[in-house]
Each structure stands twice: as structure tokens, then as C-alpha cells.
PDB file of N, CA and C in Angstrom:
ATOM      1  N   MET A   1     -61.555  17.473  17.178  1.00  0.00           N
ATOM      2  CA  MET A   1     -60.792  18.899  16.065  1.00  0.00           C
ATOM      3  C   MET A   1     -61.957  20.161  15.689  1.00  0.00           C
ATOM      4  N   GLY A   2     -62.651  19.541  15.573  1.00  0.00           N
ATOM      5  CA  GLY A   2     -64.051  20.453  15.160  1.00  0.00           C
ATOM      6  C   GLY A   2     -64.489  21.373  15.676  1.00  0.00           C
ATOM      7  N   PHE A   3     -63.966  21.250  17.368  1.00  0.00           N
ATOM      8  CA  PHE A   3     -64.526  22.316  17.873  1.00  0.00           C
ATOM      9  C   PHE A   3     -63.172  23.384  18.002  1.00  0.00           C
ATOM     10  N   PHE A   4     -62.336  23.122  18.029  1.00  0.00           N
ATOM     11  CA  PHE A   4     -61.395  23.911  18.159  1.00  0.00           C
ATOM     12  C   PHE A   4     -61.208  24.730  16.494  1.00  0.00           C
ATOM     13  N   PHE A   5     -61.426  23.867  15.845  1.00  0.00           N
ATOM     14  CA  PHE A   5     -61.667  24.925  13.710  1.00  0.00           C
ATOM     15  C   PHE A   5     -62.686  25.309  13.631  1.00  0.00           C
ATOM     16  N   GLY A   6     -63.650  25.215  14.328  1.00  0.00           N
ATOM     17  CA  GLY A   6     -65.217  25.294  13.685  1.00  0.00           C
ATOM     18  C   GLY A   6     -65.525  26.171  14.374  1.00  0.00           C
ATOM     19  N   GLY A   7     -65.021  27.346  15.058  1.00  0.00           N
ATOM     20  CA  GLY A   7     -65.511  28.128  16.194  1.00  0.00           C
ATOM     21  C   GLY A   7     -65.907  28.250  17.275  1.00  0.00           C
ATOM     22  N   GLY A   8     -65.515  27.084  17.721  1.00  0.00           N
ATOM     23  CA  GLY A   8     -65.663  26.729  19.145  1.00  0.00           C
ATOM     24  C   GLY A   8     -65.210  27.593  20.384  1.00  0.00           C
ATOM     25  N   PHE A   9     -63.351  27.285  19.768  1.00  0.00           N
ATOM     26  CA  PHE A   9     -62.356  28.214  20.996  1.00  0.00           C
ATOM     27  C   PHE A   9     -62.492  29.158  20.886  1.00  0.00           C
ATOM     28  N   GLU A  10     -62.891  30.247  19.802  1.00  0.00           N
ATOM     29  CA  GLU A  10     -63.179  31.487  19.862  1.00  0.00           C
ATOM     30  C   GLU A  10     -64.492  31.830  20.937  1.00  0.00           C
ATOM     31  N   VAL A  11     -65.633  31.101  21.019  1.00  0.00           N
ATOM     32  CA  VAL A  11     -66.901  31.002  22.370  1.00  0.00           C
ATOM     33  C   VAL A  11     -66.237  30.497  23.357  1.00  0.00           C
ATOM     34  N   LEU A  12     -64.978  29.567  23.394  1.00  0.00           N
ATOM     35  CA  LEU A  12     -64.558  29.728  25.026  1.00  0.00           C
ATOM     36  C   LEU A  12     -63.609  30.245  25.000  1.00  0.00           C
ATOM     37  N   PHE A  13     -63.078  31.296  24.369  1.00  0.00           N
ATOM     38  CA  PHE A  13     -61.996  32.724  24.577  1.00  0.00           C
ATOM     39  C   PHE A  13     -63.157  33.682  25.538  1.00  0.00           C
ATOM     40  N   LEU A  14     -63.985  34.063  24.285  1.00  0.00           N
ATOM     41  CA  LEU A  14     -64.885  34.889  24.765  1.00  0.00           C
ATOM     42  C   LEU A  14     -65.795  34.660  26.042  1.00  0.00           C
ATOM     43  N   LEU A  15     -66.231  32.959  26.474  1.00  0.00           N
ATOM     44  CA  LEU A  15     -66.649  33.075  27.359  1.00  0.00           C
ATOM     45  C   LEU A  15     -65.837  33.095  28.671  1.00  0.00           C
ATOM     46  N   VAL A  16     -64.521  33.067  28.541  1.00  0.00           N
ATOM     47  CA  VAL A  16     -63.357  32.906  29.596  1.00  0.00           C
ATOM     48  C   VAL A  16     -63.130  34.487  29.765  1.00  0.00           C
ATOM     49  N   PHE A  17     -62.819  35.207  28.636  1.00  0.00           N
ATOM     50  CA  PHE A  17     -62.913  36.866  28.859  1.00  0.00           C
ATOM     51  C   PHE A  17     -64.183  37.027  29.664  1.00  0.00           C
ATOM     52  N   ALA A  18     -64.816  37.129  29.341  1.00  0.00           N
ATOM     53  CA  ALA A  18     -66.022  37.470  30.049  1.00  0.00           C
ATOM     54  C   ALA A  18     -66.443  37.410  31.500  1.00  0.00           C
ATOM     55  N   LEU A  19     -65.701  35.894  32.008  1.00  0.00           N
ATOM     56  CA  LEU A  19     -66.143  35.636  33.009  1.00  0.00           C
ATOM     57  C   LEU A  19     -65.187  36.331  34.067  1.00  0.00           C
ATOM     58  N   ILE A  20     -63.643  36.622  33.014  1.00  0.00           N
ATOM     59  CA  ILE A  20     -62.630  37.374  34.371  1.00  0.00           C
ATOM     60  C   ILE A  20     -63.064  39.365  34.638  1.00  0.00           C
ATOM     61  N   ALA A  21     -63.702  39.090  33.586  1.00  0.00           N
ATOM     62  CA  ALA A  21     -64.207  40.731  33.470  1.00  0.00           C
ATOM     63  C   ALA A  21     -65.276  41.086  34.505  1.00  0.00           C
ATOM     64  N   CYS A  22     -66.061  39.675  34.329  1.00  0.00           N
ATOM     65  CA  CYS A  22     -67.059  40.118  35.381  1.00  0.00           C
ATOM     66  C   CYS A  22     -66.506  40.101  36.787  1.00  0.00           C
ATOM     67  N   LEU A  23     -65.736  38.637  37.397  1.00  0.00           N
ATOM     68  CA  LEU A  23     -64.659  38.798  38.211  1.00  0.00           C
ATOM     69  C   LEU A  23     -64.514  40.246  38.891  1.00  0.00           C
ATOM     70  N   ILE A  24     -63.614  41.203  37.760  1.00  0.00           N
ATOM     71  CA  ILE A  24     -62.801  42.262  38.497  1.00  0.00           C
ATOM     72  C   ILE A  24     -64.157  43.414  38.207  1.00  0.00           C
ATOM     73  N   VAL A  25     -64.751  43.027  37.968  1.00  0.00           N
ATOM     74  CA  VAL A  25     -66.433  44.222  38.269  1.00  0.00           C
ATOM     75  C   VAL A  25     -67.308  43.839  39.530  1.00  0.00           C
ATOM     76  N   VAL A  26     -66.831  42.770  39.677  1.00  0.00           N
ATOM     77  CA  VAL A  26     -67.719  42.774  40.806  1.00  0.00           C
ATOM     78  C   VAL A  26     -66.798  42.827  41.961  1.00  0.00           C
ATOM     79  N   THR A  27     -65.298  42.577  42.309  1.00  0.00           N
ATOM     80  CA  THR A  27     -64.337  43.048  43.099  1.00  0.00           C
ATOM     81  C   THR A  27     -64.273  44.456  42.593  1.00  0.00           C
ATOM     82  N   LEU A  28     -64.567  45.498  41.964  1.00  0.00           N
ATOM     83  CA  LEU A  28     -64.284  46.970  42.118  1.00  0.00           C
ATOM     84  C   LEU A  28     -65.422  47.315  42.493  1.00  0.00           C
ATOM     85  N   VAL A  29     -66.852  46.842  42.488  1.00  0.00           N
ATOM     86  CA  VAL A  29     -67.917  47.181  43.063  1.00  0.00           C
ATOM     87  C   VAL A  29     -67.927  46.895  44.269  1.00  0.00           C
ATOM     88  N   ARG A  30     -67.589  45.970  44.914  1.00  0.00           N
ATOM     89  CA  ARG A  30     -67.160  45.593  46.711  1.00  0.00           C
ATOM     90  C   ARG A  30     -66.368  46.723  47.098  1.00  0.00           C
ATOM     91  N   GLY A  31     -65.330  46.988  46.383  1.00  0.00           N
ATOM     92  CA  GLY A  31     -64.600  47.413  47.040  1.00  0.00           C
ATOM     93  C   GLY A  31     -65.025  49.144  47.246  1.00  0.00           C
ATOM     94  N   ILE A  32     -65.475  49.354  46.365  1.00  0.00           N
ATOM     95  CA  ILE A  32     -66.414  50.797  46.168  1.00  0.00           C
ATOM     96  C   ILE A  32     -67.523  50.794  47.328  1.00  0.00           C
ATOM     97  N   ALA A  33     -68.250  49.600  47.537  1.00  0.00           N
ATOM     98  CA  ALA A  33     -68.906  49.896  48.736  1.00  0.00           C
ATOM     99  C   ALA A  33     -68.982  50.248  49.920  1.00  0.00           C
ATOM    100  N   GLN A  34     -67.485  48.832  50.135  1.00  0.00           N
ATOM    101  CA  GLN A  34     -67.170  49.038  51.427  1.00  0.00           C
ATOM    102  C   GLN A  34     -66.486  50.141  51.763  1.00  0.00           C
ATOM    103  N   TRP A  35     -65.685  50.953  50.881  1.00  0.00           N
ATOM    104  CA  TRP A  35     -65.103  52.919  50.789  1.00  0.00           C
ATOM    105  C   TRP A  35     -66.458  53.395  51.014  1.00  0.00           C
ATOM    106  N   ASN A  36     -67.257  53.143  50.923  1.00  0.00           N
ATOM    107  CA  ASN A  36     -68.233  53.739  50.811  1.00  0.00           C
ATOM    108  C   ASN A  36     -69.031  53.988  52.457  1.00  0.00           C
ATOM    109  N   ARG A  37     -69.176  52.484  52.158  1.00  0.00           N
ATOM    110  CA  ARG A  37     -69.606  52.206  53.859  1.00  0.00           C
ATOM    111  C   ARG A  37     -69.132  52.649  54.946  1.00  0.00           C
ATOM    112  N   ASN A  38     -67.595  52.620  54.830  1.00  0.00           N
ATOM    113  CA  ASN A  38     -66.834  53.173  55.901  1.00  0.00           C
ATOM    114  C   ASN A  38     -66.904  54.251  56.403  1.00  0.00           C
ATOM    115  N   ASN A  39     -67.106  55.551  54.540  1.00  0.00           N
ATOM    116  CA  ASN A  39     -66.873  56.952  54.910  1.00  0.00           C
ATOM    117  C   ASN A  39     -68.347  57.331  55.657  1.00  0.00           C
ATOM    118  N   HIS A  40     -69.545  55.957  55.305  1.00  0.00           N
ATOM    119  CA  HIS A  40     -70.773  57.419  55.925  1.00  0.00           C
ATOM    120  C   HIS A  40     -70.840  56.427  57.382  1.00  0.00           C
ATOM    121  N   SER A  41     -69.686  55.392  57.817  1.00  0.00           N
ATOM    122  CA  SER A  41     -69.697  54.841  59.372  1.00  0.00           C
ATOM    123  C   SER A  41     -69.107  55.943  60.597  1.00  0.00           C
ATOM    124  N   PRO A  42     -69.923  56.312  61.948  1.00  0.00           N
ATOM    125  CA  PRO A  42     -69.452  56.841  62.720  1.00  0.00           C
ATOM    126  C   PRO A  42     -67.663  57.196  62.981  1.00  0.00           C
ATOM    127  N   ARG A  43     -66.560  57.407  63.219  1.00  0.00           N
ATOM    128  CA  ARG A  43     -65.466  57.603  64.073  1.00  0.00           C
ATOM    129  C   ARG A  43     -65.838  57.219  65.191  1.00  0.00           C
ATOM    130  N   LEU A  44     -65.095  56.056  65.693  1.00  0.00           N
ATOM    131  CA  LEU A  44     -65.677  55.805  67.108  1.00  0.00           C
ATOM    132  C   LEU A  44     -64.486  55.119  67.812  1.00  0.00           C
ATOM    133  N   THR A  45     -64.075  55.345  68.720  1.00  0.00           N
ATOM    134  CA  THR A  45     -62.682  55.626  69.815  1.00  0.00           C
ATOM    135  C   THR A  45     -63.347  54.536  71.157  1.00  0.00           C
ATOM    136  N   VAL A  46     -62.542  53.366  70.855  1.00  0.00           N
ATOM    137  CA  VAL A  46     -63.523  52.265  72.355  1.00  0.00           C
ATOM    138  C   VAL A  46     -61.867  51.989  73.247  1.00  0.00           C
ATOM    139  N   ASP A  47     -62.162  51.498  74.576  1.00  0.00           N
ATOM    140  CA  ASP A  47     -61.235  50.575  74.743  1.00  0.00           C
ATOM    141  C   ASP A  47     -60.724  49.126  74.343  1.00  0.00           C
ATOM    142  N   ALA A  48     -59.704  48.869  74.150  1.00  0.00           N
ATOM    143  CA  ALA A  48     -59.751  47.586  73.296  1.00  0.00           C
ATOM    144  C   ALA A  48     -58.330  47.016  73.692  1.00  0.00           C
ATOM    145  N   THR A  49     -57.943  45.527  73.794  1.00  0.00           N
ATOM    146  CA  THR A  49     -56.780  45.024  73.656  1.00  0.00           C
ATOM    147  C   THR A  49     -56.277  44.358  72.238  1.00  0.00           C
ATOM    148  N   VAL A  50     -54.892  44.408  72.066  1.00  0.00           N
ATOM    149  CA  VAL A  50     -54.749  43.841  71.151  1.00  0.00           C
ATOM    150  C   VAL A  50     -54.813  42.323  71.279  1.00  0.00           C
ATOM    151  N   VAL A  51     -55.174  41.185  70.957  1.00  0.00           N
ATOM    152  CA  VAL A  51     -55.016  39.886  70.873  1.00  0.00           C
ATOM    153  C   VAL A  51     -54.354  38.739  70.134  1.00  0.00           C
ATOM    154  N   ALA A  52     -54.308  39.506  68.858  1.00  0.00           N
ATOM    155  CA  ALA A  52     -54.048  38.495  67.816  1.00  0.00           C
ATOM    156  C   ALA A  52     -53.115  39.565  66.645  1.00  0.00           C
ATOM    157  N   LYS A  53     -51.877  39.321  65.577  1.00  0.00           N
ATOM    158  CA  LYS A  53     -51.412  39.684  64.890  1.00  0.00           C
ATOM    159  C   LYS A  53     -51.324  38.539  63.937  1.00  0.00           C
ATOM    160  N   ARG A  54     -51.461  39.329  62.535  1.00  0.00           N
ATOM    161  CA  ARG A  54     -51.093  37.985  61.330  1.00  0.00           C
ATOM    162  C   ARG A  54     -50.656  38.877  60.532  1.00  0.00           C
ATOM    163  N   THR A  55     -50.015  38.174  59.059  1.00  0.00           N
ATOM    164  CA  THR A  55     -49.298  38.991  58.289  1.00  0.00           C
ATOM    165  C   THR A  55     -50.210  37.572  57.018  1.00  0.00           C
ATOM    166  N   ASN A  56     -50.059  38.391  55.885  1.00  0.00           N
ATOM    167  CA  ASN A  56     -50.469  37.761  54.428  1.00  0.00           C
ATOM    168  C   ASN A  56     -49.508  38.464  53.378  1.00  0.00           C
ATOM    169  N   VAL A  57     -48.662  37.641  53.162  1.00  0.00           N
ATOM    170  CA  VAL A  57     -47.630  36.669  52.016  1.00  0.00           C
ATOM    171  C   VAL A  57     -48.056  36.960  50.887  1.00  0.00           C
ATOM    172  N   ALA A  58     -48.006  37.678  49.944  1.00  0.00           N
ATOM    173  CA  ALA A  58     -48.411  37.387  48.235  1.00  0.00           C
ATOM    174  C   ALA A  58     -47.218  37.451  47.747  1.00  0.00           C
ATOM    175  N   HIS A  59     -46.920  36.657  46.933  1.00  0.00           N
ATOM    176  CA  HIS A  59     -45.511  36.125  45.705  1.00  0.00           C
ATOM    177  C   HIS A  59     -45.993  36.656  44.259  1.00  0.00           C
ATOM    178  N   HIS A  60     -45.718  37.837  43.738  1.00  0.00           N
ATOM    179  CA  HIS A  60     -46.409  37.858  42.302  1.00  0.00           C
ATOM    180  C   HIS A  60     -44.773  37.700  40.991  1.00  0.00           C
ATOM    181  N   HIS A  61     -45.548  36.625  40.373  1.00  0.00           N
ATOM    182  CA  HIS A  61     -44.298  35.927  39.348  1.00  0.00           C
ATOM    183  C   HIS A  61     -44.425  36.707  38.089  1.00  0.00           C
ATOM    184  N   HIS A  62     -43.297  37.875  37.625  1.00  0.00           N
ATOM    185  CA  HIS A  62     -43.523  38.376  36.837  1.00  0.00           C
ATOM    186  C   HIS A  62     -42.724  37.573  35.373  1.00  0.00           C
ATOM    187  N   ASN A  63     -43.513  37.799  34.163  1.00  0.00           N
ATOM    188  CA  ASN A  63     -42.499  37.092  32.846  1.00  0.00           C
ATOM    189  C   ASN A  63     -41.464  37.050  32.720  1.00  0.00           C
ATOM    190  N   HIS A  64     -40.844  38.127  32.752  1.00  0.00           N
ATOM    191  CA  HIS A  64     -39.433  38.271  32.745  1.00  0.00           C
ATOM    192  C   HIS A  64     -38.593  37.928  33.677  1.00  0.00           C
ATOM    193  N   GLY A  65     -38.944  36.715  34.593  1.00  0.00           N
ATOM    194  CA  GLY A  65     -38.462  36.153  35.646  1.00  0.00           C
ATOM    195  C   GLY A  65     -38.038  36.389  37.106  1.00  0.00           C
ATOM    196  N   GLY A  66     -38.398  37.775  37.203  1.00  0.00           N
ATOM    197  CA  GLY A  66     -38.819  38.250  38.498  1.00  0.00           C
ATOM    198  C   GLY A  66     -39.743  38.250  39.142  1.00  0.00           C
ATOM    199  N   VAL A  67     -39.988  38.336  40.864  1.00  0.00           N
ATOM    200  CA  VAL A  67     -40.593  37.652  41.766  1.00  0.00           C
ATOM    201  C   VAL A  67     -40.385  39.072  42.589  1.00  0.00           C
ATOM    202  N   HIS A  68     -42.211  39.911  43.321  1.00  0.00           N
ATOM    203  CA  HIS A  68     -42.363  40.629  43.767  1.00  0.00           C
ATOM    204  C   HIS A  68     -43.316  40.103  44.715  1.00  0.00           C
ATOM    205  N   THR A  69     -42.910  40.728  46.235  1.00  0.00           N
ATOM    206  CA  THR A  69     -43.627  39.718  47.380  1.00  0.00           C
ATOM    207  C   THR A  69     -44.201  40.820  47.692  1.00  0.00           C
ATOM    208  N   SER A  70     -45.186  40.729  48.265  1.00  0.00           N
ATOM    209  CA  SER A  70     -45.976  42.471  48.882  1.00  0.00           C
ATOM    210  C   SER A  70     -46.792  41.443  50.611  1.00  0.00           C
ATOM    211  N   THR A  71     -46.654  42.045  51.629  1.00  0.00           N
ATOM    212  CA  THR A  71     -46.759  41.903  52.982  1.00  0.00           C
ATOM    213  C   THR A  71     -48.622  42.607  53.132  1.00  0.00           C
ATOM    214  N   THR A  72     -49.311  42.016  53.474  1.00  0.00           N
ATOM    215  CA  THR A  72     -50.122  42.748  54.106  1.00  0.00           C
ATOM    216  C   THR A  72     -50.496  42.499  55.757  1.00  0.00           C
ATOM    217  N   TYR A  73     -50.730  43.565  56.859  1.00  0.00           N
ATOM    218  CA  TYR A  73     -51.154  43.172  57.898  1.00  0.00           C
ATOM    219  C   TYR A  73     -51.781  43.639  58.833  1.00  0.00           C
ATOM    220  N   TYR A  74     -52.388  42.570  59.716  1.00  0.00           N
ATOM    221  CA  TYR A  74     -53.843  42.380  60.445  1.00  0.00           C
ATOM    222  C   TYR A  74     -53.166  42.715  61.474  1.00  0.00           C
ATOM    223  N   VAL A  75     -54.026  43.006  62.378  1.00  0.00           N
ATOM    224  CA  VAL A  75     -54.481  42.780  64.229  1.00  0.00           C
ATOM    225  C   VAL A  75     -55.738  42.757  64.539  1.00  0.00           C
ATOM    226  N   THR A  76     -55.911  41.848  65.404  1.00  0.00           N
ATOM    227  CA  THR A  76     -57.023  41.954  65.701  1.00  0.00           C
ATOM    228  C   THR A  76     -57.512  42.381  67.148  1.00  0.00           C
ATOM    229  N   PHE A  77     -58.442  43.345  67.677  1.00  0.00           N
ATOM    230  CA  PHE A  77     -58.783  43.846  68.837  1.00  0.00           C
ATOM    231  C   PHE A  77     -59.941  43.505  69.350  1.00  0.00           C
ATOM    232  N   GLN A  78     -60.201  43.353  70.851  1.00  0.00           N
ATOM    233  CA  GLN A  78     -60.881  42.756  71.169  1.00  0.00           C
ATOM    234  C   GLN A  78     -61.913  44.146  72.397  1.00  0.00           C
ATOM    235  N   VAL A  79     -62.967  44.301  72.189  1.00  0.00           N
ATOM    236  CA  VAL A  79     -62.891  45.975  72.793  1.00  0.00           C
ATOM    237  C   VAL A  79     -64.151  45.190  74.325  1.00  0.00           C
ATOM    238  N   GLU A  80     -64.079  45.948  75.234  1.00  0.00           N
ATOM    239  CA  GLU A  80     -64.718  45.581  76.478  1.00  0.00           C
ATOM    240  C   GLU A  80     -65.965  44.753  76.598  1.00  0.00           C
ATOM    241  N   SER A  81     -66.501  44.625  75.223  1.00  0.00           N
ATOM    242  CA  SER A  81     -67.940  44.110  75.371  1.00  0.00           C
ATOM    243  C   SER A  81     -68.004  42.320  74.787  1.00  0.00           C
ATOM    244  N   GLY A  82     -66.677  42.484  74.625  1.00  0.00           N
ATOM    245  CA  GLY A  82     -65.724  40.668  74.370  1.00  0.00           C
ATOM    246  C   GLY A  82     -66.129  40.545  72.885  1.00  0.00           C
ATOM    247  N   ASP A  83     -66.430  41.681  71.965  1.00  0.00           N
ATOM    248  CA  ASP A  83     -65.993  41.658  70.244  1.00  0.00           C
ATOM    249  C   ASP A  83     -64.901  41.460  69.977  1.00  0.00           C
ATOM    250  N   ARG A  84     -64.604  41.017  68.941  1.00  0.00           N
ATOM    251  CA  ARG A  84     -63.543  41.012  68.198  1.00  0.00           C
ATOM    252  C   ARG A  84     -63.198  41.935  66.788  1.00  0.00           C
ATOM    253  N   MET A  85     -62.277  42.047  66.387  1.00  0.00           N
ATOM    254  CA  MET A  85     -62.405  43.138  64.921  1.00  0.00           C
ATOM    255  C   MET A  85     -61.174  42.985  64.593  1.00  0.00           C
ATOM    256  N   GLU A  86     -60.929  42.210  63.646  1.00  0.00           N
ATOM    257  CA  GLU A  86     -59.485  42.315  62.707  1.00  0.00           C
ATOM    258  C   GLU A  86     -59.756  43.515  61.466  1.00  0.00           C
ATOM    259  N   LEU A  87     -58.480  44.642  61.798  1.00  0.00           N
ATOM    260  CA  LEU A  87     -58.116  45.179  60.957  1.00  0.00           C
ATOM    261  C   LEU A  87     -57.448  45.481  60.070  1.00  0.00           C
ATOM    262  N   HIS A  88     -57.078  45.781  58.791  1.00  0.00           N
ATOM    263  CA  HIS A  88     -55.708  45.981  58.146  1.00  0.00           C
ATOM    264  C   HIS A  88     -55.007  47.312  58.649  1.00  0.00           C
ATOM    265  N   VAL A  89     -53.817  47.343  59.130  1.00  0.00           N
ATOM    266  CA  VAL A  89     -52.790  47.970  59.476  1.00  0.00           C
ATOM    267  C   VAL A  89     -51.475  48.510  58.325  1.00  0.00           C
ATOM    268  N   SER A  90     -51.352  49.252  58.578  1.00  0.00           N
ATOM    269  CA  SER A  90     -50.011  49.794  58.002  1.00  0.00           C
ATOM    270  C   SER A  90     -48.567  48.669  58.603  1.00  0.00           C
ATOM    271  N   GLY A  91     -47.466  48.515  57.895  1.00  0.00           N
ATOM    272  CA  GLY A  91     -46.286  48.009  58.545  1.00  0.00           C
ATOM    273  C   GLY A  91     -45.725  48.509  59.919  1.00  0.00           C
ATOM    274  N   PHE A  92     -45.941  50.008  59.527  1.00  0.00           N
ATOM    275  CA  PHE A  92     -45.199  50.672  60.555  1.00  0.00           C
ATOM    276  C   PHE A  92     -46.341  50.734  62.171  1.00  0.00           C
ATOM    277  N   GLU A  93     -47.626  50.557  62.117  1.00  0.00           N
ATOM    278  CA  GLU A  93     -48.424  50.328  63.006  1.00  0.00           C
ATOM    279  C   GLU A  93     -48.085  49.147  63.711  1.00  0.00           C
ATOM    280  N   TYR A  94     -47.729  47.474  62.713  1.00  0.00           N
ATOM    281  CA  TYR A  94     -47.761  46.583  62.837  1.00  0.00           C
ATOM    282  C   TYR A  94     -46.986  46.163  63.962  1.00  0.00           C
ATOM    283  N   GLY A  95     -45.821  47.206  63.614  1.00  0.00           N
ATOM    284  CA  GLY A  95     -44.454  46.889  64.173  1.00  0.00           C
ATOM    285  C   GLY A  95     -44.663  47.594  65.616  1.00  0.00           C
ATOM    286  N   GLN A  96     -45.399  48.473  65.533  1.00  0.00           N
ATOM    287  CA  GLN A  96     -45.614  49.138  67.389  1.00  0.00           C
ATOM    288  C   GLN A  96     -46.468  48.394  68.064  1.00  0.00           C
ATOM    289  N   LEU A  97     -47.177  47.877  67.643  1.00  0.00           N
ATOM    290  CA  LEU A  97     -48.288  46.638  68.668  1.00  0.00           C
ATOM    291  C   LEU A  97     -47.645  45.190  68.965  1.00  0.00           C
ATOM    292  N   ALA A  98     -48.065  45.386  70.375  1.00  0.00           N
ATOM    293  CA  ALA A  98     -47.695  44.076  70.600  1.00  0.00           C
ATOM    294  C   ALA A  98     -49.113  43.046  71.546  1.00  0.00           C
ATOM    295  N   GLU A  99     -48.815  42.091  71.261  1.00  0.00           N
ATOM    296  CA  GLU A  99     -50.231  41.511  72.253  1.00  0.00           C
ATOM    297  C   GLU A  99     -50.286  41.728  73.442  1.00  0.00           C
ATOM    298  N   GLY A 100     -51.287  41.692  73.541  1.00  0.00           N
ATOM    299  CA  GLY A 100     -51.583  42.571  75.208  1.00  0.00           C
ATOM    300  C   GLY A 100     -51.532  43.594  75.238  1.00  0.00           C
ATOM    301  N   ASP A 101     -51.431  43.881  74.299  1.00  0.00           N
ATOM    302  CA  ASP A 101     -51.464  46.029  74.658  1.00  0.00           C
ATOM    303  C   ASP A 101     -52.748  46.354  74.415  1.00  0.00           C
ATOM    304  N   ARG A 102     -52.812  47.189  75.760  1.00  0.00           N
ATOM    305  CA  ARG A 102     -54.443  47.868  76.011  1.00  0.00           C
ATOM    306  C   ARG A 102     -54.223  49.697  75.959  1.00  0.00           C
ATOM    307  N   GLY A 103     -55.295  49.897  75.256  1.00  0.00           N
ATOM    308  CA  GLY A 103     -55.460  51.539  74.816  1.00  0.00           C
ATOM    309  C   GLY A 103     -56.874  51.592  74.456  1.00  0.00           C
ATOM    310  N   GLN A 104     -56.786  52.521  73.876  1.00  0.00           N
ATOM    311  CA  GLN A 104     -57.750  53.338  72.566  1.00  0.00           C
ATOM    312  C   GLN A 104     -57.879  52.956  71.703  1.00  0.00           C
ATOM    313  N   LEU A 105     -58.613  52.598  70.672  1.00  0.00           N
ATOM    314  CA  LEU A 105     -58.901  52.089  69.602  1.00  0.00           C
ATOM    315  C   LEU A 105     -59.585  53.720  68.447  1.00  0.00           C
ATOM    316  N   SER A 106     -58.875  53.787  67.436  1.00  0.00           N
ATOM    317  CA  SER A 106     -59.862  54.227  66.880  1.00  0.00           C
ATOM    318  C   SER A 106     -60.335  53.601  65.420  1.00  0.00           C
ATOM    319  N   PHE A 107     -61.716  53.961  65.018  1.00  0.00           N
ATOM    320  CA  PHE A 107     -61.856  53.071  63.850  1.00  0.00           C
ATOM    321  C   PHE A 107     -63.303  53.596  63.474  1.00  0.00           C
ATOM    322  N   GLN A 108     -63.175  53.472  61.867  1.00  0.00           N
ATOM    323  CA  GLN A 108     -64.299  54.032  60.818  1.00  0.00           C
ATOM    324  C   GLN A 108     -65.085  52.854  60.381  1.00  0.00           C
ATOM    325  N   GLY A 109     -65.673  52.102  60.552  1.00  0.00           N
ATOM    326  CA  GLY A 109     -66.265  51.086  60.122  1.00  0.00           C
ATOM    327  C   GLY A 109     -65.307  50.205  60.407  1.00  0.00           C
ATOM    328  N   THR A 110     -64.847  49.587  59.047  1.00  0.00           N
ATOM    329  CA  THR A 110     -63.316  48.587  59.115  1.00  0.00           C
ATOM    330  C   THR A 110     -62.352  49.232  58.420  1.00  0.00           C
ATOM    331  N   ARG A 111     -62.030  50.528  58.639  1.00  0.00           N
ATOM    332  CA  ARG A 111     -61.206  51.712  58.744  1.00  0.00           C
ATOM    333  C   ARG A 111     -60.140  51.729  59.728  1.00  0.00           C
ATOM    334  N   TYR A 112     -59.453  51.362  60.019  1.00  0.00           N
ATOM    335  CA  TYR A 112     -58.188  51.476  61.274  1.00  0.00           C
ATOM    336  C   TYR A 112     -57.915  53.080  61.502  1.00  0.00           C
ATOM    337  N   LEU A 113     -57.904  53.521  62.103  1.00  0.00           N
ATOM    338  CA  LEU A 113     -57.669  55.015  62.376  1.00  0.00           C
ATOM    339  C   LEU A 113     -56.243  54.880  63.244  1.00  0.00           C
ATOM    340  N   GLY A 114     -56.450  54.377  64.294  1.00  0.00           N
ATOM    341  CA  GLY A 114     -54.928  54.660  65.214  1.00  0.00           C
ATOM    342  C   GLY A 114     -55.531  53.694  66.169  1.00  0.00           C
ATOM    343  N   PHE A 115     -54.035  53.585  67.343  1.00  0.00           N
ATOM    344  CA  PHE A 115     -54.572  52.873  68.700  1.00  0.00           C
ATOM    345  C   PHE A 115     -53.448  53.892  69.722  1.00  0.00           C
ATOM    346  N   VAL A 116     -53.936  54.255  70.723  1.00  0.00           N
ATOM    347  CA  VAL A 116     -53.218  54.698  71.336  1.00  0.00           C
ATOM    348  C   VAL A 116     -53.112  53.940  72.509  1.00  0.00           C
ATOM    349  N   ARG A 117     -51.656  53.688  72.933  1.00  0.00           N
ATOM    350  CA  ARG A 117     -51.153  52.773  74.161  1.00  0.00           C
ATOM    351  C   ARG A 117     -51.270  53.468  75.312  1.00  0.00           C
ATOM    352  N   GLN A 118     -51.996  52.360  76.658  1.00  0.00           N
ATOM    353  CA  GLN A 118     -52.021  52.695  78.288  1.00  0.00           C
ATOM    354  C   GLN A 118     -51.084  52.467  78.539  1.00  0.00           C
ATOM    355  N   ASN A 119     -50.733  53.675  79.310  1.00  0.00           N
ATOM    356  CA  ASN A 119     -49.092  53.009  80.391  1.00  0.00           C
ATOM    357  C   ASN A 119     -49.295  52.139  81.649  1.00  0.00           C
TER     358      ASN A 119
END
């Protein structure tokens, strides 16, 4: 009992708060660094094939009892060298692409810019 009433709770609260604040700062710094790397990367257009598609569905529960669901869309492309890259795409782009599609992939770093299907 002395731990909680003797100041231990306040110390524990500050440690948890500091840990959460550090995690937020690290996440922000990584996001900004990736954005900066993408901006400094060349815009490339290469022959590629759509080899896989996937989604990530997240459910967010709110205090008032509501649930918000968000979906993130990813497509994996394989280039002529055999290398593969998974890129985040919009829901519209995800719906327009099918596994096996061949065409011209445009990207900048990890940023998807577009895909033009070959006939």
C-alpha cells in the first residue's frame, strides 16, 4: 500500500506517460524521414506485374460505444529483375488492379504513383 500512497503511483504514471510520448515522437520522426527519403528519390517507371494484393483492416473502438473501421490497401509488384515491392495504394487503385496484370509501374521511393496496364 505504501507504493501507491507514498508517491510510487505518480512516478509510475510519469514513466508510462514518458514512454507513450517517446513512442509518438519516434513514430512521427520515422514518418517524416520516410516522406523526406521519398521526396529525394527519383521518380521511376518500370515494367512490372501485379503478383499479390492484400488489405489491413483496423477496428477503432470509441468511448461512446461506436466502432470505426479503416482499411489500408497494398499491392505487390514484381519487376523484370525479379525483385518485389509492396506499395500502399488507394482503395480505387486496389479495385482496378488484378493479380497477373502487366504494365508500367511508376513510383518514387516507397510512394506509389500509378500503374498503366498493357493490353
